[in-house]
């Protein structure tokens, strides 16, 4: 893959509900995981990534064409996770460049708004342009609990099976609590290995069977 630089002169894209959950996940208070979780994407589990197994812990039907699932390590706590995998599957065509620009602008604006001196964002594009990876780091100082640094990798991928177009955002998140300078530096040292793991990972087969859209709370 080759690095692709997005200039600051890029047009501002307004966030839509399509990406709202992805863009705000580092600042939202996680909800309690349900006892029974619906596998809306019919993915054989558990997920294997970076020599670890991740268990389906939460899922939601956000709209008729958008299903979301989250996975954590077996011994992790959903409300205070150390590592999380999020799959956002869209049963329709979505412009990958627009999605990536929204993500980059979100991180850059958040860094400016919160004065996050440790935050950074990078964009890597596959040679054929069919996939783009955005990786970024943010630090969070919650009102309650310990401060932490969070390193995220979002892999944007288009699918076209027999003329049926769909779109997936495969996201990996790792948190490290404690001193923000130390935590940020430690996570940054893992960047190369985690990026390679995401880029080379085979996307699991997905069979989308939409369920009833969940009511907004």
N, C-alpha and C. Protein backbone atom coordinates (compact mmCIF):
# COMPACT_ATOMS: atom_id res chain seq x y z
N UNK A 1 0.83 -1.19 0.00
CA UNK A 1 0.00 0.00 0.00
C UNK A 1 0.88 1.26 0.00
N UNK A 2 0.35 2.32 -0.51
CA UNK A 2 1.11 3.55 -0.58
C UNK A 2 0.42 4.62 0.25
N UNK A 3 1.23 5.48 0.84
CA UNK A 3 0.67 6.56 1.64
C UNK A 3 0.02 7.59 0.74
N UNK A 4 -1.09 8.12 1.20
CA UNK A 4 -1.80 9.14 0.44
C UNK A 4 -2.04 10.34 1.34
N UNK A 5 -1.56 11.50 0.96
CA UNK A 5 -1.67 12.70 1.78
C UNK A 5 -2.93 13.46 1.40
N UNK A 6 -3.76 13.75 2.40
CA UNK A 6 -4.95 14.56 2.16
C UNK A 6 -4.62 15.99 2.54
N UNK A 7 -4.75 16.91 1.60
CA UNK A 7 -4.42 18.30 1.85
C UNK A 7 -5.45 18.96 2.73
N UNK A 8 -5.05 19.96 3.49
CA UNK A 8 -5.97 20.66 4.38
C UNK A 8 -7.02 21.43 3.62
N UNK A 9 -6.82 21.60 2.30
CA UNK A 9 -7.78 22.34 1.49
C UNK A 9 -8.99 21.51 1.09
N UNK A 10 -9.04 20.25 1.53
CA UNK A 10 -10.18 19.40 1.18
C UNK A 10 -11.47 20.03 1.66
N UNK A 11 -12.52 19.87 0.87
CA UNK A 11 -13.82 20.44 1.23
C UNK A 11 -14.35 19.79 2.49
N UNK A 12 -15.10 20.57 3.27
CA UNK A 12 -15.70 20.08 4.50
C UNK A 12 -16.95 19.28 4.18
N UNK A 13 -17.02 18.06 4.68
CA UNK A 13 -18.19 17.22 4.49
C UNK A 13 -18.97 17.16 5.79
N UNK A 14 -20.27 17.39 5.71
CA UNK A 14 -21.11 17.34 6.89
C UNK A 14 -21.31 15.89 7.31
N UNK A 15 -21.17 15.62 8.62
CA UNK A 15 -21.36 14.26 9.10
C UNK A 15 -22.82 13.87 8.98
N UNK A 16 -23.05 12.66 8.54
CA UNK A 16 -24.40 12.13 8.45
C UNK A 16 -24.54 10.99 9.45
N UNK A 17 -25.78 10.56 9.65
CA UNK A 17 -26.02 9.47 10.59
C UNK A 17 -25.36 8.19 10.16
N UNK A 18 -25.01 8.08 8.88
CA UNK A 18 -24.37 6.86 8.37
C UNK A 18 -23.09 6.57 9.11
N UNK A 19 -22.33 7.62 9.44
CA UNK A 19 -21.05 7.41 10.08
C UNK A 19 -21.03 7.92 11.52
N UNK A 20 -22.17 8.34 12.06
CA UNK A 20 -22.19 8.99 13.37
C UNK A 20 -21.61 8.11 14.45
N UNK A 21 -21.98 6.83 14.46
CA UNK A 21 -21.51 5.95 15.53
C UNK A 21 -20.00 5.79 15.47
N UNK A 22 -19.46 5.65 14.27
CA UNK A 22 -18.02 5.52 14.13
C UNK A 22 -17.30 6.77 14.60
N UNK A 23 -17.82 7.93 14.25
CA UNK A 23 -17.11 9.17 14.52
C UNK A 23 -17.11 9.55 15.99
N UNK A 24 -18.08 9.09 16.75
CA UNK A 24 -18.21 9.55 18.13
C UNK A 24 -17.90 8.48 19.15
N UNK A 25 -17.45 7.30 18.71
CA UNK A 25 -17.31 6.20 19.64
C UNK A 25 -16.28 6.43 20.73
N UNK A 26 -15.28 7.28 20.49
CA UNK A 26 -14.27 7.49 21.51
C UNK A 26 -14.74 8.43 22.60
N UNK A 27 -15.87 9.10 22.40
CA UNK A 27 -16.33 10.05 23.38
C UNK A 27 -17.66 9.66 24.02
N UNK A 28 -18.29 8.62 23.52
CA UNK A 28 -19.55 8.19 24.06
C UNK A 28 -19.34 7.27 25.25
N UNK A 29 -20.32 7.21 26.15
CA UNK A 29 -20.29 6.27 27.24
C UNK A 29 -20.87 4.96 26.76
N UNK A 30 -20.10 3.88 26.77
CA UNK A 30 -20.60 2.61 26.24
C UNK A 30 -21.82 2.13 27.01
N UNK A 31 -22.74 1.52 26.31
CA UNK A 31 -23.92 0.96 26.96
C UNK A 31 -23.60 -0.44 27.42
N UNK A 32 -24.40 -0.96 28.33
CA UNK A 32 -24.18 -2.31 28.82
C UNK A 32 -24.44 -3.32 27.71
N UNK A 33 -23.60 -4.31 27.62
CA UNK A 33 -23.76 -5.31 26.59
C UNK A 33 -24.98 -6.18 26.88
N UNK A 34 -25.76 -6.51 25.86
CA UNK A 34 -26.94 -7.35 26.09
C UNK A 34 -26.54 -8.77 26.42
N UNK A 35 -27.44 -9.51 27.07
CA UNK A 35 -27.17 -10.89 27.43
C UNK A 35 -27.09 -11.75 26.18
N UNK A 36 -28.04 -11.57 25.25
CA UNK A 36 -28.04 -12.30 24.00
C UNK A 36 -27.77 -11.32 22.86
N UNK A 37 -26.86 -11.69 21.98
CA UNK A 37 -26.47 -10.81 20.89
C UNK A 37 -26.85 -11.45 19.56
N UNK A 38 -27.49 -10.69 18.69
CA UNK A 38 -27.88 -11.18 17.38
C UNK A 38 -26.71 -11.01 16.41
N UNK A 39 -26.34 -12.09 15.76
CA UNK A 39 -25.30 -12.02 14.73
C UNK A 39 -25.97 -11.62 13.42
N UNK A 40 -26.03 -10.33 13.15
CA UNK A 40 -26.75 -9.81 11.98
C UNK A 40 -25.98 -10.01 10.68
N UNK A 41 -24.68 -10.28 10.79
CA UNK A 41 -23.85 -10.44 9.60
C UNK A 41 -23.49 -11.90 9.35
N UNK A 42 -23.93 -12.78 10.24
CA UNK A 42 -23.70 -14.22 10.09
C UNK A 42 -22.22 -14.53 9.82
N UNK A 43 -21.38 -14.03 10.70
CA UNK A 43 -19.94 -14.23 10.59
C UNK A 43 -19.52 -15.39 11.50
N UNK A 44 -18.86 -16.41 10.95
CA UNK A 44 -18.38 -17.49 11.81
C UNK A 44 -17.45 -16.95 12.88
N UNK A 45 -17.74 -17.25 14.13
CA UNK A 45 -16.94 -16.70 15.21
C UNK A 45 -16.19 -17.78 15.97
N UNK A 46 -15.29 -17.36 16.85
CA UNK A 46 -14.93 -15.96 17.11
C UNK A 46 -14.05 -15.38 16.00
N UNK A 47 -13.90 -14.04 16.01
CA UNK A 47 -12.99 -13.40 15.06
C UNK A 47 -11.55 -13.59 15.54
N UNK A 48 -10.67 -13.82 14.61
CA UNK A 48 -9.25 -13.95 14.95
C UNK A 48 -8.48 -12.79 14.35
N UNK A 49 -7.75 -12.09 15.20
CA UNK A 49 -6.95 -10.95 14.74
C UNK A 49 -5.74 -10.80 15.64
N UNK A 50 -4.60 -10.65 15.03
CA UNK A 50 -3.36 -10.38 15.76
C UNK A 50 -3.12 -11.45 16.82
N UNK A 51 -3.39 -12.72 16.45
CA UNK A 51 -3.18 -13.89 17.29
C UNK A 51 -4.08 -13.91 18.52
N UNK A 52 -5.20 -13.18 18.46
CA UNK A 52 -6.16 -13.18 19.56
C UNK A 52 -7.55 -13.50 19.03
N UNK A 53 -8.43 -13.99 19.94
CA UNK A 53 -9.81 -14.26 19.59
C UNK A 53 -10.72 -13.19 20.18
N UNK A 54 -11.67 -12.74 19.37
CA UNK A 54 -12.61 -11.70 19.78
C UNK A 54 -14.03 -12.23 19.68
N UNK A 55 -14.81 -12.00 20.74
CA UNK A 55 -16.15 -12.55 20.85
C UNK A 55 -17.19 -11.47 20.55
N UNK A 56 -18.21 -11.85 19.77
CA UNK A 56 -19.31 -10.93 19.49
C UNK A 56 -20.00 -10.56 20.79
N UNK A 57 -20.07 -9.24 21.07
CA UNK A 57 -20.58 -8.76 22.34
C UNK A 57 -21.75 -7.81 22.20
N UNK A 58 -21.87 -7.17 21.04
CA UNK A 58 -22.91 -6.15 20.85
C UNK A 58 -23.21 -6.02 19.36
N UNK A 59 -24.48 -5.82 19.04
CA UNK A 59 -24.85 -5.58 17.64
C UNK A 59 -26.08 -4.69 17.60
N UNK A 60 -26.26 -4.03 16.46
CA UNK A 60 -27.41 -3.13 16.31
C UNK A 60 -27.78 -2.99 14.84
N UNK A 61 -29.07 -2.97 14.57
CA UNK A 61 -29.58 -2.67 13.24
C UNK A 61 -29.90 -1.18 13.22
N UNK A 62 -28.97 -0.38 12.72
CA UNK A 62 -29.13 1.08 12.74
C UNK A 62 -30.14 1.58 11.73
N UNK A 63 -30.20 0.89 10.58
CA UNK A 63 -31.17 1.22 9.54
C UNK A 63 -31.39 -0.03 8.71
N UNK A 64 -32.25 0.07 7.71
CA UNK A 64 -32.53 -1.10 6.88
C UNK A 64 -31.30 -1.58 6.13
N UNK A 65 -30.34 -0.68 5.91
CA UNK A 65 -29.15 -1.04 5.13
C UNK A 65 -27.85 -0.96 5.94
N UNK A 66 -27.93 -0.73 7.24
CA UNK A 66 -26.72 -0.56 8.06
C UNK A 66 -26.80 -1.38 9.32
N UNK A 67 -25.93 -2.38 9.42
CA UNK A 67 -25.83 -3.22 10.61
C UNK A 67 -24.44 -3.05 11.22
N UNK A 68 -24.40 -3.10 12.54
CA UNK A 68 -23.15 -2.86 13.25
C UNK A 68 -22.93 -3.94 14.30
N UNK A 69 -21.71 -4.45 14.39
CA UNK A 69 -21.36 -5.48 15.38
C UNK A 69 -20.03 -5.15 16.03
N UNK A 70 -19.91 -5.47 17.34
CA UNK A 70 -18.68 -5.20 18.06
C UNK A 70 -18.21 -6.46 18.79
N UNK A 71 -16.89 -6.61 18.82
CA UNK A 71 -16.25 -7.79 19.40
C UNK A 71 -15.17 -7.36 20.38
N UNK A 72 -15.02 -8.11 21.47
CA UNK A 72 -13.95 -7.84 22.43
C UNK A 72 -13.25 -9.14 22.79
N UNK A 73 -12.13 -9.04 23.46
CA UNK A 73 -11.42 -10.22 23.94
C UNK A 73 -12.27 -10.95 24.97
N UNK A 74 -12.05 -12.26 25.10
CA UNK A 74 -12.86 -13.08 25.99
C UNK A 74 -12.88 -12.57 27.42
N UNK A 75 -11.75 -12.13 27.90
CA UNK A 75 -11.66 -11.70 29.30
C UNK A 75 -11.75 -10.19 29.46
N UNK A 76 -12.19 -9.50 28.42
CA UNK A 76 -12.27 -8.04 28.47
C UNK A 76 -13.64 -7.60 28.98
N UNK A 77 -13.74 -6.32 29.35
CA UNK A 77 -14.98 -5.74 29.86
C UNK A 77 -15.55 -4.81 28.80
N UNK A 78 -16.77 -5.07 28.34
CA UNK A 78 -17.36 -4.28 27.28
C UNK A 78 -17.48 -2.81 27.65
N UNK A 79 -17.75 -2.52 28.92
CA UNK A 79 -17.92 -1.13 29.35
C UNK A 79 -16.59 -0.41 29.58
N UNK A 80 -15.52 -1.16 29.60
CA UNK A 80 -14.21 -0.56 29.84
C UNK A 80 -13.15 -1.39 29.11
N UNK A 81 -13.38 -1.57 27.80
CA UNK A 81 -12.56 -2.51 27.03
C UNK A 81 -11.13 -2.02 26.81
N UNK A 82 -10.25 -2.98 26.60
CA UNK A 82 -8.86 -2.68 26.23
C UNK A 82 -8.68 -2.74 24.71
N UNK A 83 -9.40 -3.69 24.09
CA UNK A 83 -9.36 -3.83 22.63
C UNK A 83 -10.77 -4.10 22.13
N UNK A 84 -11.10 -3.54 20.97
CA UNK A 84 -12.43 -3.70 20.41
C UNK A 84 -12.35 -3.73 18.89
N UNK A 85 -13.15 -4.61 18.29
CA UNK A 85 -13.31 -4.65 16.84
C UNK A 85 -14.74 -4.28 16.51
N UNK A 86 -14.91 -3.32 15.62
CA UNK A 86 -16.24 -2.87 15.20
C UNK A 86 -16.39 -3.09 13.70
N UNK A 87 -17.49 -3.73 13.31
CA UNK A 87 -17.81 -3.91 11.90
C UNK A 87 -19.07 -3.12 11.60
N UNK A 88 -18.97 -2.18 10.68
CA UNK A 88 -20.13 -1.45 10.18
C UNK A 88 -20.34 -1.85 8.73
N UNK A 89 -21.44 -2.56 8.49
CA UNK A 89 -21.72 -3.08 7.15
C UNK A 89 -22.90 -2.32 6.55
N UNK A 90 -22.72 -1.83 5.33
CA UNK A 90 -23.74 -1.06 4.63
C UNK A 90 -24.18 -1.82 3.39
N UNK A 91 -25.45 -2.18 3.33
CA UNK A 91 -25.99 -2.94 2.21
C UNK A 91 -26.36 -2.01 1.06
N UNK A 92 -25.41 -1.19 0.67
CA UNK A 92 -25.59 -0.26 -0.43
C UNK A 92 -24.24 0.32 -0.80
N UNK A 93 -24.19 1.04 -1.90
CA UNK A 93 -22.94 1.64 -2.35
C UNK A 93 -22.69 2.94 -1.60
N UNK A 94 -21.47 3.12 -1.12
CA UNK A 94 -21.06 4.35 -0.44
C UNK A 94 -19.73 4.78 -1.03
N UNK A 95 -19.59 6.06 -1.29
CA UNK A 95 -18.35 6.58 -1.86
C UNK A 95 -17.23 6.51 -0.83
N UNK A 96 -16.21 5.74 -1.12
CA UNK A 96 -15.14 5.50 -0.17
C UNK A 96 -14.34 6.77 0.12
N UNK A 97 -14.14 7.60 -0.90
CA UNK A 97 -13.37 8.84 -0.69
C UNK A 97 -14.09 9.77 0.27
N UNK A 98 -15.41 9.86 0.14
CA UNK A 98 -16.19 10.72 1.03
C UNK A 98 -16.10 10.22 2.46
N UNK A 99 -16.24 8.90 2.64
CA UNK A 99 -16.17 8.32 3.98
C UNK A 99 -14.82 8.60 4.64
N UNK A 100 -13.75 8.45 3.87
CA UNK A 100 -12.41 8.67 4.39
C UNK A 100 -12.20 10.14 4.75
N UNK A 101 -12.64 11.05 3.89
CA UNK A 101 -12.49 12.47 4.17
C UNK A 101 -13.23 12.87 5.44
N UNK A 102 -14.41 12.30 5.64
CA UNK A 102 -15.17 12.58 6.85
C UNK A 102 -14.40 12.14 8.09
N UNK A 103 -13.82 10.96 8.01
CA UNK A 103 -13.06 10.45 9.16
C UNK A 103 -11.86 11.33 9.45
N UNK A 104 -11.09 11.67 8.44
CA UNK A 104 -9.90 12.49 8.63
C UNK A 104 -10.26 13.86 9.20
N UNK A 105 -11.28 14.46 8.65
CA UNK A 105 -11.69 15.78 9.13
C UNK A 105 -12.22 15.73 10.56
N UNK A 106 -12.88 14.63 10.90
CA UNK A 106 -13.35 14.47 12.28
C UNK A 106 -12.17 14.47 13.25
N UNK A 107 -11.14 13.67 12.95
CA UNK A 107 -9.99 13.57 13.84
C UNK A 107 -9.26 14.90 13.94
N UNK A 108 -9.08 15.57 12.79
CA UNK A 108 -8.38 16.85 12.79
C UNK A 108 -9.15 17.91 13.58
N UNK A 109 -10.47 17.96 13.40
CA UNK A 109 -11.27 18.93 14.12
C UNK A 109 -11.33 18.61 15.61
N UNK A 110 -11.38 17.33 15.94
CA UNK A 110 -11.38 16.94 17.35
C UNK A 110 -10.07 17.34 18.01
N UNK A 111 -8.95 17.13 17.30
CA UNK A 111 -7.65 17.50 17.85
C UNK A 111 -7.61 18.99 18.16
N UNK A 112 -8.13 19.79 17.23
CA UNK A 112 -8.14 21.24 17.43
C UNK A 112 -9.08 21.63 18.57
N UNK A 113 -10.26 21.00 18.61
CA UNK A 113 -11.26 21.35 19.62
C UNK A 113 -10.82 20.98 21.03
N UNK A 114 -10.20 19.82 21.18
CA UNK A 114 -9.82 19.33 22.50
C UNK A 114 -8.37 19.66 22.86
N UNK A 115 -7.64 20.27 21.92
CA UNK A 115 -6.22 20.57 22.14
C UNK A 115 -5.45 19.30 22.48
N UNK A 116 -5.73 18.25 21.73
CA UNK A 116 -5.11 16.95 21.95
C UNK A 116 -3.74 16.94 21.28
N UNK A 117 -2.70 17.19 22.05
CA UNK A 117 -1.36 17.34 21.47
C UNK A 117 -0.74 16.01 21.04
N UNK A 118 -1.34 14.89 21.44
CA UNK A 118 -0.79 13.59 21.06
C UNK A 118 -1.51 12.98 19.85
N UNK A 119 -2.58 13.60 19.41
CA UNK A 119 -3.40 13.03 18.34
C UNK A 119 -2.71 13.13 16.98
N UNK A 120 -2.92 12.12 16.15
CA UNK A 120 -2.45 12.16 14.77
C UNK A 120 -3.38 11.31 13.91
N UNK A 121 -3.30 11.50 12.60
CA UNK A 121 -4.11 10.71 11.67
C UNK A 121 -3.31 10.48 10.39
N UNK A 122 -3.40 9.26 9.85
CA UNK A 122 -2.71 8.90 8.62
C UNK A 122 -3.69 8.19 7.69
N UNK A 123 -3.43 8.29 6.39
CA UNK A 123 -4.26 7.62 5.39
C UNK A 123 -3.37 6.78 4.49
N UNK A 124 -3.76 5.51 4.29
CA UNK A 124 -3.01 4.60 3.43
C UNK A 124 -3.98 3.98 2.43
N UNK A 125 -3.63 4.03 1.15
CA UNK A 125 -4.51 3.54 0.09
C UNK A 125 -3.91 2.34 -0.61
N UNK A 126 -4.75 1.37 -0.95
CA UNK A 126 -4.27 0.21 -1.70
C UNK A 126 -3.96 0.63 -3.13
N UNK A 127 -3.05 -0.06 -3.81
CA UNK A 127 -2.68 0.31 -5.17
C UNK A 127 -3.86 0.37 -6.14
N UNK A 128 -4.87 -0.50 -5.94
CA UNK A 128 -6.01 -0.51 -6.85
C UNK A 128 -7.11 0.47 -6.45
N UNK A 129 -6.94 1.13 -5.30
CA UNK A 129 -7.90 2.13 -4.86
C UNK A 129 -9.19 1.57 -4.30
N UNK A 130 -9.27 0.25 -4.15
CA UNK A 130 -10.51 -0.36 -3.67
C UNK A 130 -10.61 -0.37 -2.14
N UNK A 131 -9.49 -0.16 -1.49
CA UNK A 131 -9.48 -0.12 -0.03
C UNK A 131 -8.64 1.05 0.45
N UNK A 132 -9.06 1.65 1.55
CA UNK A 132 -8.30 2.72 2.18
C UNK A 132 -8.31 2.48 3.69
N UNK A 133 -7.16 2.68 4.31
CA UNK A 133 -7.04 2.52 5.76
C UNK A 133 -6.73 3.87 6.39
N UNK A 134 -7.50 4.23 7.39
CA UNK A 134 -7.25 5.44 8.17
C UNK A 134 -6.86 5.00 9.58
N UNK A 135 -5.68 5.37 10.02
CA UNK A 135 -5.30 5.06 11.40
C UNK A 135 -5.03 6.36 12.13
N UNK A 136 -5.44 6.40 13.38
CA UNK A 136 -5.33 7.64 14.14
C UNK A 136 -5.26 7.36 15.63
N UNK A 137 -4.71 8.30 16.36
CA UNK A 137 -4.61 8.20 17.81
C UNK A 137 -5.27 9.41 18.44
N UNK A 138 -6.01 9.17 19.51
CA UNK A 138 -6.62 10.24 20.29
C UNK A 138 -6.37 9.95 21.76
N UNK A 139 -6.41 10.99 22.58
CA UNK A 139 -6.34 10.80 24.02
C UNK A 139 -7.64 11.33 24.63
N UNK A 140 -8.08 10.67 25.70
CA UNK A 140 -9.36 10.99 26.32
C UNK A 140 -9.17 11.18 27.81
N UNK A 141 -9.71 12.28 28.32
CA UNK A 141 -9.71 12.55 29.76
C UNK A 141 -11.16 12.57 30.22
N UNK A 142 -11.69 11.43 30.68
CA UNK A 142 -13.11 11.36 31.06
C UNK A 142 -13.39 12.10 32.37
N UNK A 143 -14.65 12.41 32.57
CA UNK A 143 -15.04 13.06 33.82
C UNK A 143 -14.81 12.14 35.01
N UNK A 144 -14.99 10.85 34.76
CA UNK A 144 -14.75 9.85 35.79
C UNK A 144 -13.84 8.76 35.22
N UNK A 145 -12.99 8.21 36.06
CA UNK A 145 -12.10 7.16 35.61
C UNK A 145 -10.76 7.69 35.12
N UNK A 146 -9.90 6.77 34.70
CA UNK A 146 -8.55 7.13 34.28
C UNK A 146 -8.51 7.65 32.85
N UNK A 147 -7.56 8.53 32.61
CA UNK A 147 -7.32 9.01 31.25
C UNK A 147 -6.69 7.88 30.44
N UNK A 148 -6.89 7.92 29.12
CA UNK A 148 -6.32 6.87 28.29
C UNK A 148 -6.04 7.40 26.89
N UNK A 149 -5.11 6.71 26.23
CA UNK A 149 -4.84 6.94 24.81
C UNK A 149 -5.51 5.81 24.05
N UNK A 150 -6.03 6.13 22.85
CA UNK A 150 -6.71 5.12 22.04
C UNK A 150 -6.18 5.19 20.62
N UNK A 151 -5.67 4.06 20.16
CA UNK A 151 -5.19 3.95 18.78
C UNK A 151 -6.23 3.19 17.97
N UNK A 152 -6.63 3.75 16.83
CA UNK A 152 -7.69 3.19 16.01
C UNK A 152 -7.21 2.97 14.57
N UNK A 153 -7.68 1.88 13.98
CA UNK A 153 -7.43 1.61 12.56
C UNK A 153 -8.76 1.30 11.91
N UNK A 154 -9.14 2.06 10.90
CA UNK A 154 -10.38 1.84 10.15
C UNK A 154 -10.03 1.41 8.72
N UNK A 155 -10.48 0.24 8.34
CA UNK A 155 -10.25 -0.28 6.99
C UNK A 155 -11.54 -0.15 6.20
N UNK A 156 -11.55 0.70 5.19
CA UNK A 156 -12.72 0.96 4.36
C UNK A 156 -12.64 0.09 3.11
N UNK A 157 -13.70 -0.68 2.85
CA UNK A 157 -13.65 -1.62 1.73
C UNK A 157 -14.98 -1.66 0.98
N UNK A 158 -14.90 -1.59 -0.34
CA UNK A 158 -16.07 -1.75 -1.21
C UNK A 158 -16.20 -3.19 -1.65
N UNK A 159 -17.45 -3.66 -1.79
CA UNK A 159 -17.72 -4.99 -2.33
C UNK A 159 -18.62 -4.84 -3.55
N UNK A 160 -18.41 -5.72 -4.52
CA UNK A 160 -19.27 -5.76 -5.70
C UNK A 160 -19.42 -7.21 -6.11
N UNK A 161 -20.51 -7.84 -5.65
CA UNK A 161 -20.75 -9.24 -5.95
C UNK A 161 -21.92 -9.37 -6.92
N UNK A 162 -21.60 -9.66 -8.17
CA UNK A 162 -22.64 -9.83 -9.17
C UNK A 162 -23.49 -8.59 -9.37
N UNK A 163 -22.88 -7.43 -9.28
CA UNK A 163 -23.60 -6.17 -9.45
C UNK A 163 -24.23 -5.65 -8.17
N UNK A 164 -24.19 -6.44 -7.10
CA UNK A 164 -24.71 -6.00 -5.80
C UNK A 164 -23.59 -5.33 -5.03
N UNK A 165 -23.74 -4.03 -4.79
CA UNK A 165 -22.69 -3.27 -4.13
C UNK A 165 -22.96 -3.12 -2.64
N UNK A 166 -21.89 -3.21 -1.85
CA UNK A 166 -21.99 -3.01 -0.41
C UNK A 166 -20.67 -2.40 0.07
N UNK A 167 -20.64 -2.08 1.35
CA UNK A 167 -19.51 -1.31 1.89
C UNK A 167 -19.27 -1.74 3.33
N UNK A 168 -18.01 -1.87 3.72
CA UNK A 168 -17.66 -2.29 5.07
C UNK A 168 -16.59 -1.39 5.66
N UNK A 169 -16.77 -1.05 6.94
CA UNK A 169 -15.73 -0.40 7.71
C UNK A 169 -15.33 -1.37 8.81
N UNK A 170 -14.14 -1.93 8.69
CA UNK A 170 -13.60 -2.85 9.70
C UNK A 170 -12.68 -2.04 10.59
N UNK A 171 -13.02 -1.90 11.85
CA UNK A 171 -12.29 -1.02 12.76
C UNK A 171 -11.71 -1.79 13.94
N UNK A 172 -10.48 -1.45 14.27
CA UNK A 172 -9.81 -2.01 15.45
C UNK A 172 -9.42 -0.87 16.36
N UNK A 173 -9.65 -1.05 17.66
CA UNK A 173 -9.34 -0.01 18.63
C UNK A 173 -8.60 -0.62 19.81
N UNK A 174 -7.54 0.04 20.25
CA UNK A 174 -6.79 -0.41 21.42
C UNK A 174 -6.56 0.77 22.36
N UNK A 175 -6.87 0.54 23.64
CA UNK A 175 -6.73 1.59 24.63
C UNK A 175 -5.63 1.25 25.63
N UNK A 176 -4.97 2.29 26.12
CA UNK A 176 -3.97 2.13 27.16
C UNK A 176 -4.16 3.26 28.16
N UNK A 177 -4.46 2.90 29.41
CA UNK A 177 -4.74 3.90 30.44
C UNK A 177 -3.45 4.37 31.09
N UNK A 178 -3.57 5.51 31.78
CA UNK A 178 -2.43 6.04 32.51
C UNK A 178 -1.91 7.34 31.93
N UNK A 179 -0.65 7.62 32.18
CA UNK A 179 -0.02 8.84 31.69
C UNK A 179 -0.16 8.94 30.18
N UNK A 180 -0.73 10.03 29.70
CA UNK A 180 -1.06 10.14 28.28
C UNK A 180 0.17 10.14 27.38
N UNK A 181 1.23 10.77 27.82
CA UNK A 181 2.46 10.80 27.02
C UNK A 181 3.02 9.40 26.86
N UNK A 182 3.09 8.66 27.96
CA UNK A 182 3.63 7.30 27.92
C UNK A 182 2.71 6.39 27.11
N UNK A 183 1.39 6.50 27.35
CA UNK A 183 0.43 5.64 26.67
C UNK A 183 0.45 5.89 25.16
N UNK A 184 0.51 7.15 24.76
CA UNK A 184 0.53 7.49 23.34
C UNK A 184 1.79 6.96 22.67
N UNK A 185 2.90 7.11 23.35
CA UNK A 185 4.17 6.64 22.80
C UNK A 185 4.17 5.12 22.66
N UNK A 186 3.64 4.43 23.66
CA UNK A 186 3.62 2.97 23.64
C UNK A 186 2.75 2.46 22.50
N UNK A 187 1.57 3.06 22.31
CA UNK A 187 0.68 2.65 21.23
C UNK A 187 1.29 2.95 19.86
N UNK A 188 1.97 4.09 19.75
CA UNK A 188 2.59 4.47 18.48
C UNK A 188 3.65 3.46 18.05
N UNK A 189 4.33 2.84 19.03
CA UNK A 189 5.36 1.86 18.72
C UNK A 189 4.76 0.59 18.11
N UNK A 190 3.46 0.35 18.37
CA UNK A 190 2.79 -0.83 17.83
C UNK A 190 2.18 -0.57 16.45
N UNK A 191 2.24 0.65 15.97
CA UNK A 191 1.54 1.03 14.75
C UNK A 191 1.90 0.13 13.57
N UNK A 192 3.16 -0.06 13.30
CA UNK A 192 3.58 -0.82 12.12
C UNK A 192 3.04 -2.24 12.14
N UNK A 193 3.13 -2.91 13.29
CA UNK A 193 2.67 -4.29 13.39
C UNK A 193 1.16 -4.39 13.26
N UNK A 194 0.44 -3.47 13.91
CA UNK A 194 -1.02 -3.50 13.83
C UNK A 194 -1.51 -3.15 12.43
N UNK A 195 -0.87 -2.19 11.79
CA UNK A 195 -1.25 -1.83 10.43
C UNK A 195 -1.06 -3.01 9.49
N UNK A 196 0.06 -3.69 9.62
CA UNK A 196 0.31 -4.86 8.77
C UNK A 196 -0.75 -5.92 9.01
N UNK A 197 -1.11 -6.12 10.28
CA UNK A 197 -2.11 -7.13 10.61
C UNK A 197 -3.47 -6.79 10.00
N UNK A 198 -3.85 -5.51 10.05
CA UNK A 198 -5.14 -5.09 9.48
C UNK A 198 -5.13 -5.22 7.96
N UNK A 199 -4.06 -4.75 7.33
CA UNK A 199 -3.99 -4.74 5.87
C UNK A 199 -3.99 -6.15 5.29
N UNK A 200 -3.33 -7.08 5.97
CA UNK A 200 -3.21 -8.44 5.44
C UNK A 200 -4.33 -9.36 5.91
N UNK A 201 -5.16 -8.91 6.83
CA UNK A 201 -6.23 -9.76 7.36
C UNK A 201 -7.28 -10.04 6.29
N UNK A 202 -7.69 -11.29 6.19
CA UNK A 202 -8.76 -11.66 5.27
C UNK A 202 -10.10 -11.29 5.90
N UNK A 203 -10.88 -10.48 5.22
CA UNK A 203 -12.20 -10.09 5.73
C UNK A 203 -13.07 -11.34 5.81
N UNK A 204 -13.70 -11.59 6.97
CA UNK A 204 -14.53 -12.79 7.09
C UNK A 204 -15.74 -12.72 6.17
N UNK A 205 -16.24 -13.87 5.70
CA UNK A 205 -17.42 -13.87 4.85
C UNK A 205 -18.63 -13.31 5.58
N UNK A 206 -19.41 -12.48 4.88
CA UNK A 206 -20.56 -11.83 5.48
C UNK A 206 -21.82 -12.23 4.71
N UNK A 207 -22.83 -12.66 5.44
CA UNK A 207 -24.14 -12.92 4.85
C UNK A 207 -25.14 -12.05 5.59
N UNK A 208 -25.50 -10.95 4.98
CA UNK A 208 -26.34 -9.94 5.66
C UNK A 208 -27.81 -10.32 5.60
N UNK A 209 -28.41 -10.43 6.76
CA UNK A 209 -29.85 -10.69 6.88
C UNK A 209 -30.44 -9.63 7.81
N UNK A 210 -30.97 -8.55 7.21
CA UNK A 210 -31.46 -7.44 8.04
C UNK A 210 -32.56 -7.86 9.00
N UNK A 211 -32.50 -7.28 10.20
CA UNK A 211 -33.54 -7.48 11.20
C UNK A 211 -34.28 -6.16 11.38
N UNK A 212 -35.24 -6.12 12.28
CA UNK A 212 -35.99 -4.91 12.51
C UNK A 212 -35.08 -3.80 13.02
N UNK A 213 -35.28 -2.60 12.50
CA UNK A 213 -34.49 -1.45 12.92
C UNK A 213 -34.83 -1.12 14.37
N UNK A 214 -33.79 -0.95 15.19
CA UNK A 214 -34.00 -0.67 16.60
C UNK A 214 -34.44 0.78 16.79
N UNK A 215 -35.38 0.97 17.69
CA UNK A 215 -35.89 2.30 17.96
C UNK A 215 -34.81 3.17 18.60
N UNK A 216 -34.81 4.45 18.25
CA UNK A 216 -33.86 5.38 18.83
C UNK A 216 -34.21 5.63 20.30
N UNK A 217 -33.17 5.69 21.12
CA UNK A 217 -33.39 5.92 22.55
C UNK A 217 -33.08 7.36 22.91
